Structures are given as structure tokens and as C-alpha cells.
Protein backbone atom coordinates (compact mmCIF):
# COMPACT_ATOMS: atom_id res chain seq x y z
CA MET A 1 -32.35 -49.67 40.09
CA LYS A 2 -29.33 -49.79 37.81
CA LYS A 3 -26.23 -48.65 39.51
CA LYS A 4 -24.22 -48.09 36.33
CA THR A 5 -26.69 -45.62 34.84
CA ASP A 6 -26.78 -43.61 38.06
CA GLU A 7 -23.01 -43.29 38.05
CA VAL A 8 -22.97 -42.25 34.41
CA PHE A 9 -25.73 -39.75 35.07
CA LEU A 10 -23.78 -38.12 37.86
CA GLU A 11 -20.52 -37.96 35.93
CA MET A 12 -20.44 -34.63 34.22
CA GLY A 13 -17.93 -34.37 31.43
CA GLY A 14 -16.07 -37.44 32.57
CA CYS A 15 -16.64 -39.38 29.37
CA ARG A 16 -14.62 -36.99 27.22
CA LYS A 17 -10.89 -37.24 27.14
CA ASN A 18 -8.79 -34.20 26.42
CA ILE A 19 -6.11 -35.44 24.11
CA ARG A 20 -3.55 -32.80 23.32
CA LYS A 21 -1.17 -33.30 20.50
CA ARG A 22 2.24 -31.96 21.37
CA VAL A 23 4.22 -30.24 18.71
CA SER A 24 7.92 -30.81 18.87
CA LYS A 25 10.15 -27.79 19.32
CA GLN A 26 11.79 -28.44 15.97
CA ASN A 27 8.47 -28.26 14.11
CA LYS A 28 7.28 -25.03 15.73
CA LYS A 29 7.47 -22.02 13.47
CA THR A 30 8.68 -18.81 14.99
CA ALA A 31 7.29 -15.43 14.05
CA VAL A 32 10.32 -14.80 11.87
CA ASP A 33 9.72 -17.97 9.83
CA GLN A 34 6.07 -17.19 9.14
CA PRO A 35 5.24 -14.94 6.19
CA PHE A 36 4.20 -11.33 6.85
CA ARG A 37 0.65 -10.74 5.63
CA LEU A 38 -1.53 -7.65 5.40
CA ASN A 39 -5.01 -7.45 3.93
CA MET A 40 -6.20 -4.78 1.52
CA GLU A 41 -8.07 -2.87 4.24
CA VAL A 42 -4.80 -2.17 6.04
CA PHE A 43 -3.27 -0.81 2.83
CA GLU A 44 -6.32 1.41 2.31
CA GLU A 45 -6.20 2.73 5.88
CA PHE A 46 -2.52 3.59 5.58
CA SER A 47 -3.11 5.34 2.25
CA VAL A 48 -5.92 7.44 3.74
CA LEU A 49 -3.50 8.60 6.43
CA GLY A 50 -0.79 9.27 3.87
CA LEU A 51 1.57 6.67 5.33
CA SER A 52 3.27 3.66 3.79
CA PRO A 53 2.32 0.27 5.31
CA PRO A 54 5.04 -2.01 6.66
CA THR A 55 6.27 -4.65 4.24
CA ALA A 56 8.23 -6.74 6.74
CA ILE A 57 8.05 -7.56 10.41
CA GLU A 58 11.09 -5.41 11.06
CA ALA A 59 9.27 -2.34 9.67
CA VAL A 60 6.25 -2.69 11.99
CA ALA A 61 7.89 -0.78 14.84
CA GLY A 62 8.65 2.14 12.50
CA SER A 63 5.09 2.15 11.21
CA ILE A 64 3.75 2.24 14.77
CA ASP A 65 5.95 5.25 15.50
CA GLU A 66 4.66 6.98 12.35
CA LEU A 67 1.06 6.24 13.37
CA MET A 68 1.64 7.65 16.85
CA ALA A 69 3.19 10.81 15.37
CA LYS A 70 0.24 11.18 12.98
CA LYS A 71 -2.20 10.70 15.86
CA LYS A 72 -0.45 13.41 17.86
CA TRP A 73 -0.54 15.73 14.83
CA TYR A 74 -4.28 15.13 14.36
CA SER A 75 -4.96 15.81 18.05
CA GLU A 76 -3.17 19.18 17.80
CA GLN A 77 -5.19 20.36 14.76
CA PRO A 78 -8.28 22.53 15.32
CA ARG A 79 -11.56 20.70 14.88
CA GLY A 80 -12.83 20.82 11.29
CA SER A 81 -9.53 21.82 9.69
CA VAL A 82 -8.64 18.27 8.64
CA PRO A 83 -11.04 16.46 6.27
CA THR A 84 -12.73 13.44 7.80
CA LEU A 85 -12.47 9.92 6.44
CA LYS A 86 -15.97 10.19 4.97
CA GLU A 87 -15.12 13.43 3.17
CA THR A 88 -11.90 11.92 1.82
CA ARG A 89 -13.66 8.82 0.51
CA ASP A 90 -16.46 10.88 -1.04
CA ALA A 91 -13.89 13.02 -2.84
CA GLU A 92 -12.14 9.88 -4.15
CA ARG A 93 -15.45 8.47 -5.41
CA GLU A 94 -16.30 11.72 -7.16
CA SER A 95 -12.91 11.83 -8.84
CA LYS A 96 -13.32 8.23 -9.99
CA ASN A 97 -16.80 8.95 -11.31
CA LYS A 98 -15.53 11.99 -13.23
CA SER A 99 -12.68 10.00 -14.77
CA VAL A 100 -15.05 7.19 -15.80
CA SER A 101 -17.61 9.61 -17.28
CA LYS A 102 -14.90 11.37 -19.34
CA SER A 103 -13.76 8.09 -20.90
């Protein structure tokens, strides 16, 4: 019986070494240094709600407040009085199709 193979067999995960690379404090980028990015879906969602998306990190808090106010407004409206997202998108598609067919 080989003693070395038995030891290796019983060691679970001992052969891997976790090597962590440490980043110096000078090389770390803070949230202020990193660019502010939004994808097109976020712009579309803000436009559906009739709000302007934030363009800088400083404007995010204001946008959150606007979203909360809009949410409160929607919750106070009677059901069915505000067009749904599907209805809004269908209306946009129809208007685009009409403008393309006229051209």
C-alpha cells in the first residue's frame, strides 16, 4: 500500500493555493474616479415614466427622489386611469409605423 497516495486521496482541496493579489491603496479607483455609465434600457425606462435620467453620480439621489414621487403618484391613481407600459409602447409603435408609411 502506498502511503503517499492515501494522503493525497484524503486531502480535499489542499493542493490548491489561494493566491490573492493585493491592490495598493494608491491604485484603487474610488467611485468618483470611475465613469458614470447607463445603458439604453435605463434611458428608455426613464422616458416612459416622463423623467430625465441622471447624467452624473451627484444627480442619482435626485433621480431616486423623482422616482419615489412618481411611484407615490401612480399608487394614488385609480386603476385603469393611467396607460400601462404595454399600451404606451404599442402607441409608440403605431405612431412610428404611421410615420414610416407616410414617407
